[in-house]
Amino acid sequence: MNSAPAAVKVQDIPFSNEDFRSLATLAKSQFGLDLAESKKPLVYSRLSKRLKARGVSCFPDYLSLLGKPGEDAEKFELISALTTNVTSFFRENHHFETLRDEYLPAIIAKVQKGDRARIWSAGCSAGPEPYSLAMTILDKLPNAHNLDLKILATDIDPKIVEKARKGTYNVEELKGIPQTFQNKWTKTDPAGQTFDVSDDLKRLITFNELNLISDWPFSGKFDVIFCRNVAIYFDQPTQQKLWKRFCDLLVPGGLLFIGHSERITGPAMDQLEGIGITSYRKGGIPAAGTQE
């Protein structure tokens, strides 16, 4: 009978500069992540737990494991360990106010005359952002389900996408949701520990997995794109490419919202104008007049 593998002690796992550089190269090539040398202690702290979980005794063996067929799930464990899924309902609320006041009326006019409108939450994490978008829309357009208006929510991590799709959250997260919206679209469990968002919100959203540095399977354009606190993980050339791809995918007059610590640079600057804090509009006619 084979004996069980010896337990791996996290503190005994060596982590050389070469190990770090190899991991950084993999993270950059597959996910676009830019891991500075200063992040070596953080990378070690987070990934050593993965080595322990997989019974791997050194980082070269872990890298070999990641290269084996059938280890896609471990690659997503890697991306989860290297990034932080910090999110909340109506985070950076000024973005939702800008959408509601400056652009949503044009979207409503557009779909009410039979045209399509699409909103993309790129890097949706556990779901509060797209659900906040759905609340903002349904508050002003209760019959949105009957019109050609949809929200696409994507993230690279399958586990986090499934959590978003489920729509169950710790009750403490309710504090970010206005009380009137809580009354309409949330239901707290009898024990008062968690709450679920309503099916009305879920019906407006399609959740999918997507790597932002890969090909995008979209045939149409978007009226609004939220991509907040995602590009901070990329180096500047990758960021600039991402901004340009977003810009090309927006309808004329469409909006792009980015994170509070992010800035638009590169070719996209020629097409985008700032309309508020980390809020941008693509040059052209307003959404209500666009034709696709």
Protein backbone atom coordinates (compact mmCIF):
# COMPACT_ATOMS: atom_id res chain seq x y z
CA MET A 1 0.00 0.00 0.00
CA ASN A 2 1.32 3.42 -0.93
CA SER A 3 1.92 5.78 1.94
CA ALA A 4 0.29 9.21 2.00
CA PRO A 5 2.47 12.11 0.82
CA ALA A 6 4.30 13.90 3.57
CA ALA A 7 2.73 17.16 4.69
CA VAL A 8 4.32 20.23 3.17
CA LYS A 9 5.25 22.92 5.65
CA VAL A 10 4.61 26.36 4.14
CA GLN A 11 7.52 27.96 5.95
CA ASP A 12 9.94 25.35 4.55
CA ILE A 13 9.22 26.07 0.88
CA PRO A 14 12.10 27.95 -0.76
CA PHE A 15 11.27 30.82 -3.10
CA SER A 16 14.17 32.12 -5.16
CA ASN A 17 14.28 35.19 -7.36
CA GLU A 18 14.24 32.86 -10.34
CA ASP A 19 11.07 31.20 -9.01
CA PHE A 20 9.45 34.60 -8.73
CA ARG A 21 10.51 35.64 -12.23
CA SER A 22 9.16 32.39 -13.70
CA LEU A 23 5.80 32.92 -11.99
CA ALA A 24 5.74 36.55 -13.08
CA THR A 25 6.41 35.52 -16.70
CA LEU A 26 3.57 33.00 -16.60
CA ALA A 27 1.17 35.51 -15.02
CA LYS A 28 2.07 38.10 -17.65
CA SER A 29 1.77 35.82 -20.67
CA GLN A 30 -1.50 34.15 -19.67
CA PHE A 31 -3.32 36.82 -17.69
CA GLY A 32 -1.57 40.11 -18.44
CA LEU A 33 -0.61 40.59 -14.77
CA ASP A 34 2.36 42.80 -14.04
CA LEU A 35 4.11 41.51 -10.90
CA ALA A 36 6.76 43.92 -9.66
CA GLU A 37 9.71 42.58 -7.65
CA SER A 38 8.30 44.37 -4.61
CA LYS A 39 5.37 41.93 -4.66
CA LYS A 40 7.56 38.89 -4.08
CA PRO A 41 6.65 38.54 -0.35
CA LEU A 42 2.94 38.85 -1.16
CA VAL A 43 3.19 36.29 -3.96
CA TYR A 44 5.01 33.89 -1.66
CA SER A 45 2.48 34.33 1.13
CA ARG A 46 -0.47 33.63 -1.12
CA LEU A 47 0.92 30.94 -3.40
CA SER A 48 2.68 28.89 -0.74
CA LYS A 49 -0.81 27.98 0.46
CA ARG A 50 -1.58 26.59 -3.01
CA LEU A 51 1.57 24.49 -2.94
CA LYS A 52 0.56 23.11 0.43
CA ALA A 53 -2.95 22.36 -0.83
CA ARG A 54 -1.57 20.45 -3.82
CA GLY A 55 1.13 18.64 -1.86
CA VAL A 56 3.90 20.29 -3.88
CA SER A 57 7.22 20.91 -2.16
CA CYS A 58 8.82 23.58 -4.36
CA PHE A 59 7.86 26.33 -6.80
CA PRO A 60 9.54 24.75 -9.87
CA ASP A 61 7.31 21.70 -9.36
CA TYR A 62 4.29 23.97 -9.02
CA LEU A 63 5.16 25.68 -12.30
CA SER A 64 5.47 22.25 -13.93
CA LEU A 65 2.07 21.34 -12.51
CA LEU A 66 0.53 24.46 -14.05
CA GLY A 67 1.85 23.40 -17.44
CA LYS A 68 0.19 19.99 -17.37
CA PRO A 69 -3.02 19.22 -19.31
CA GLY A 70 -6.15 19.38 -17.20
CA GLU A 71 -4.77 21.95 -14.76
CA ASP A 72 -6.86 24.92 -15.90
CA ALA A 73 -8.58 24.97 -12.52
CA GLU A 74 -5.23 25.46 -10.80
CA LYS A 75 -4.42 28.33 -13.15
CA PHE A 76 -7.57 30.03 -11.95
CA GLU A 77 -6.52 29.36 -8.35
CA LEU A 78 -3.30 31.13 -9.28
CA ILE A 79 -5.08 34.19 -10.67
CA SER A 80 -7.34 34.30 -7.60
CA ALA A 81 -4.31 34.24 -5.33
CA LEU A 82 -2.52 36.99 -7.24
CA THR A 83 -5.46 39.40 -7.44
CA THR A 84 -7.85 40.86 -4.88
CA ASN A 85 -11.60 40.57 -5.35
CA VAL A 86 -12.54 43.63 -3.33
CA THR A 87 -15.94 44.92 -4.34
CA SER A 88 -19.12 46.38 -2.89
CA PHE A 89 -22.55 47.53 -3.99
CA PHE A 90 -22.54 51.04 -5.50
CA ARG A 91 -18.79 51.35 -4.99
CA GLU A 92 -17.62 54.75 -6.26
CA ASN A 93 -21.26 55.80 -6.39
CA HIS A 94 -20.51 58.89 -8.49
CA HIS A 95 -20.19 56.56 -11.50
CA PHE A 96 -23.72 55.27 -11.03
CA GLU A 97 -24.96 58.82 -10.57
CA THR A 98 -23.28 59.88 -13.81
CA LEU A 99 -24.83 56.93 -15.63
CA ARG A 100 -28.26 57.64 -14.15
CA ASP A 101 -28.28 61.39 -14.75
CA GLU A 102 -26.18 61.90 -17.87
CA TYR A 103 -26.69 58.84 -20.02
CA LEU A 104 -29.50 56.55 -18.88
CA PRO A 105 -32.23 58.82 -20.32
CA ALA A 106 -30.63 58.41 -23.76
CA ILE A 107 -30.47 54.63 -23.33
CA ILE A 108 -34.11 54.53 -22.26
CA ALA A 109 -35.15 56.56 -25.32
CA LYS A 110 -33.07 54.27 -27.49
CA VAL A 111 -34.57 50.98 -26.34
CA GLN A 112 -38.11 52.34 -26.16
CA LYS A 113 -38.00 52.96 -29.90
CA GLY A 114 -36.88 49.39 -30.49
CA ASP A 115 -33.09 49.69 -30.67
CA ARG A 116 -30.67 47.56 -28.64
CA ALA A 117 -28.50 48.71 -25.73
CA ARG A 118 -25.74 46.80 -23.98
CA ILE A 119 -23.78 47.49 -20.79
CA TRP A 120 -20.62 45.58 -19.88
CA SER A 121 -19.25 45.03 -16.39
CA ALA A 122 -15.71 43.88 -17.27
CA GLY A 123 -14.06 42.34 -14.23
CA CYS A 124 -17.33 41.99 -12.36
CA SER A 125 -15.82 40.08 -9.41
CA ALA A 126 -18.50 38.65 -7.10
CA GLY A 127 -21.32 40.63 -8.72
CA PRO A 128 -22.15 43.77 -6.72
CA GLU A 129 -21.23 46.01 -9.68
CA PRO A 130 -23.58 44.46 -12.28
CA TYR A 131 -26.35 44.12 -9.71
CA SER A 132 -25.92 47.80 -8.83
CA LEU A 133 -26.21 48.57 -12.54
CA ALA A 134 -29.38 46.49 -12.78
CA MET A 135 -30.94 48.35 -9.83
CA THR A 136 -30.02 51.71 -11.37
CA ILE A 137 -31.67 50.73 -14.64
CA LEU A 138 -34.80 49.07 -13.25
CA ASP A 139 -35.42 52.01 -10.94
CA LYS A 140 -35.83 54.23 -14.00
CA LEU A 141 -37.09 51.62 -16.47
CA PRO A 142 -39.19 48.97 -14.68
CA ASN A 143 -40.08 47.21 -17.94
CA ALA A 144 -36.44 46.83 -19.03
CA HIS A 145 -36.89 43.05 -19.23
CA ASN A 146 -39.30 43.54 -22.12
CA LEU A 147 -36.87 45.65 -24.13
CA ASP A 148 -33.59 44.93 -25.89
CA LEU A 149 -31.46 46.01 -22.94
CA LYS A 150 -28.95 43.66 -21.33
CA ILE A 151 -25.98 43.76 -18.95
CA LEU A 152 -23.00 41.51 -19.63
CA ALA A 153 -20.86 40.71 -16.58
CA THR A 154 -17.52 38.93 -17.02
CA ASP A 155 -14.58 37.87 -14.90
CA ILE A 156 -11.60 35.60 -15.47
CA ASP A 157 -12.23 33.49 -12.34
CA PRO A 158 -14.89 30.76 -12.80
CA LYS A 159 -15.49 30.47 -9.05
CA ILE A 160 -16.08 34.17 -8.61
CA VAL A 161 -18.39 34.21 -11.65
CA GLU A 162 -20.44 31.40 -10.13
CA LYS A 163 -20.69 33.33 -6.86
CA ALA A 164 -21.88 36.38 -8.79
CA ARG A 165 -24.42 34.31 -10.69
CA LYS A 166 -25.80 32.90 -7.43
CA GLY A 167 -26.26 36.39 -5.95
CA THR A 168 -25.98 35.56 -2.24
CA TYR A 169 -24.05 37.94 0.03
CA ASN A 170 -23.19 38.60 3.64
CA VAL A 171 -25.83 40.81 5.24
CA GLU A 172 -23.17 43.43 6.07
CA GLU A 173 -22.97 44.22 2.35
CA LEU A 174 -26.51 45.58 2.44
CA LYS A 175 -25.17 48.86 3.81
CA GLY A 176 -24.03 49.90 0.34
CA ILE A 177 -27.53 49.55 -1.13
CA PRO A 178 -30.08 52.38 -0.75
CA GLN A 179 -32.96 51.36 1.51
CA THR A 180 -35.57 51.70 -1.24
CA PHE A 181 -33.52 49.39 -3.44
CA GLN A 182 -33.10 46.92 -0.57
CA ASN A 183 -36.86 46.78 -0.19
CA LYS A 184 -37.38 46.13 -3.90
CA TRP A 185 -34.60 43.74 -4.82
CA THR A 186 -33.10 41.96 -1.80
CA LYS A 187 -34.34 39.31 0.59
CA THR A 188 -32.56 38.55 3.87
CA ASP A 189 -32.51 34.96 5.11
CA PRO A 190 -34.46 34.15 8.32
CA ALA A 191 -31.25 33.94 10.36
CA GLY A 192 -30.27 37.44 9.26
CA GLN A 193 -26.82 36.35 8.09
CA THR A 194 -27.08 36.59 4.30
CA PHE A 195 -29.29 38.09 1.62
CA ASP A 196 -30.15 37.21 -1.95
CA VAL A 197 -30.67 39.61 -4.82
CA SER A 198 -33.97 39.20 -6.63
CA ASP A 199 -34.57 37.29 -9.84
CA ASP A 200 -35.62 40.57 -11.45
CA LEU A 201 -32.01 41.73 -11.23
CA LYS A 202 -30.61 38.39 -12.38
CA ARG A 203 -32.83 38.34 -15.47
CA LEU A 204 -31.18 41.51 -16.72
CA ILE A 205 -27.64 40.13 -16.45
CA THR A 206 -25.65 37.48 -18.32
CA PHE A 207 -22.58 36.23 -16.44
CA ASN A 208 -19.66 34.71 -18.33
CA GLU A 209 -15.97 33.95 -17.90
CA LEU A 210 -13.58 36.09 -19.93
CA ASN A 211 -9.85 36.80 -19.93
CA LEU A 212 -9.52 40.47 -20.89
CA ILE A 213 -6.21 39.95 -22.69
CA SER A 214 -7.66 37.20 -24.88
CA ASP A 215 -10.01 37.51 -27.86
CA TRP A 216 -13.45 38.95 -27.15
CA PRO A 217 -16.42 37.10 -28.67
CA PHE A 218 -18.61 40.15 -29.24
CA SER A 219 -20.49 40.92 -32.44
CA GLY A 220 -22.10 44.19 -31.31
CA LYS A 221 -21.03 47.34 -29.53
CA PHE A 222 -21.65 48.57 -25.99
CA ASP A 223 -23.29 51.76 -24.76
CA VAL A 224 -21.53 51.66 -21.40
CA ILE A 225 -18.46 49.80 -20.14
CA PHE A 226 -17.45 49.55 -16.48
CA CYS A 227 -13.89 48.27 -15.99
CA ARG A 228 -12.78 49.42 -12.57
CA ASN A 229 -9.72 48.43 -10.57
CA VAL A 230 -8.75 45.77 -13.11
CA ALA A 231 -6.16 47.56 -15.23
CA ILE A 232 -4.10 48.27 -12.09
CA TYR A 233 -2.80 44.71 -12.45
CA PHE A 234 -1.45 45.36 -15.96
CA ASP A 235 1.63 47.22 -17.16
CA GLN A 236 1.14 50.45 -19.09
CA PRO A 237 1.36 48.98 -22.64
CA THR A 238 -1.27 46.36 -21.71
CA GLN A 239 -3.46 49.06 -20.14
CA GLN A 240 -3.22 51.24 -23.22
CA LYS A 241 -4.16 48.34 -25.47
CA LEU A 242 -7.12 47.57 -23.20
CA TRP A 243 -8.36 51.19 -23.21
CA LYS A 244 -8.18 51.24 -27.01
CA ARG A 245 -10.08 47.97 -27.33
CA PHE A 246 -12.79 49.29 -25.01
CA CYS A 247 -12.98 52.53 -26.96
CA ASP A 248 -13.34 50.70 -30.27
CA LEU A 249 -16.17 48.64 -28.79
CA LEU A 250 -18.18 51.63 -27.55
CA VAL A 251 -20.95 53.22 -29.62
CA PRO A 252 -20.42 56.91 -30.46
CA GLY A 253 -21.18 58.85 -27.29
CA GLY A 254 -20.79 55.73 -25.12
CA LEU A 255 -19.34 55.86 -21.62
CA LEU A 256 -16.31 54.19 -20.06
CA PHE A 257 -15.86 54.08 -16.28
CA ILE A 258 -12.52 53.08 -14.74
CA GLY A 259 -11.15 52.72 -11.21
CA HIS A 260 -10.24 55.63 -8.95
CA SER A 261 -6.49 54.89 -9.19
CA GLU A 262 -6.49 54.32 -12.95
CA ARG A 263 -5.92 56.80 -15.78
CA ILE A 264 -6.51 56.66 -19.52
CA THR A 265 -3.30 56.95 -21.53
CA GLY A 266 -2.25 56.08 -25.06
CA PRO A 267 -4.23 56.07 -28.33
CA ALA A 268 -7.66 55.96 -26.63
CA MET A 269 -7.10 59.52 -25.39
CA ASP A 270 -7.77 60.75 -28.93
CA GLN A 271 -11.31 59.37 -28.80
CA LEU A 272 -12.32 59.84 -25.17
CA GLU A 273 -13.19 62.99 -23.26
CA GLY A 274 -13.34 63.19 -19.49
CA ILE A 275 -16.82 63.94 -18.14
CA GLY A 276 -16.14 63.48 -14.43
CA ILE A 277 -13.96 61.57 -12.01
CA THR A 278 -12.59 58.55 -13.92
CA SER A 279 -15.55 58.82 -16.30
CA TYR A 280 -15.13 59.16 -20.06
CA ARG A 281 -17.33 59.64 -23.12
CA LYS A 282 -16.43 58.48 -26.61
CA GLY A 283 -16.69 61.27 -29.15
CA GLY A 284 -19.74 61.20 -31.38
CA ILE A 285 -23.50 61.56 -31.28
CA PRO A 286 -25.43 60.60 -28.13
CA ALA A 287 -26.70 57.08 -27.64
CA ALA A 288 -30.30 58.00 -28.43
CA GLY A 289 -29.31 58.81 -31.99
CA THR A 290 -26.92 55.99 -32.72
CA GLN A 291 -27.59 53.39 -35.35
CA GLU A 292 -25.89 50.01 -35.42
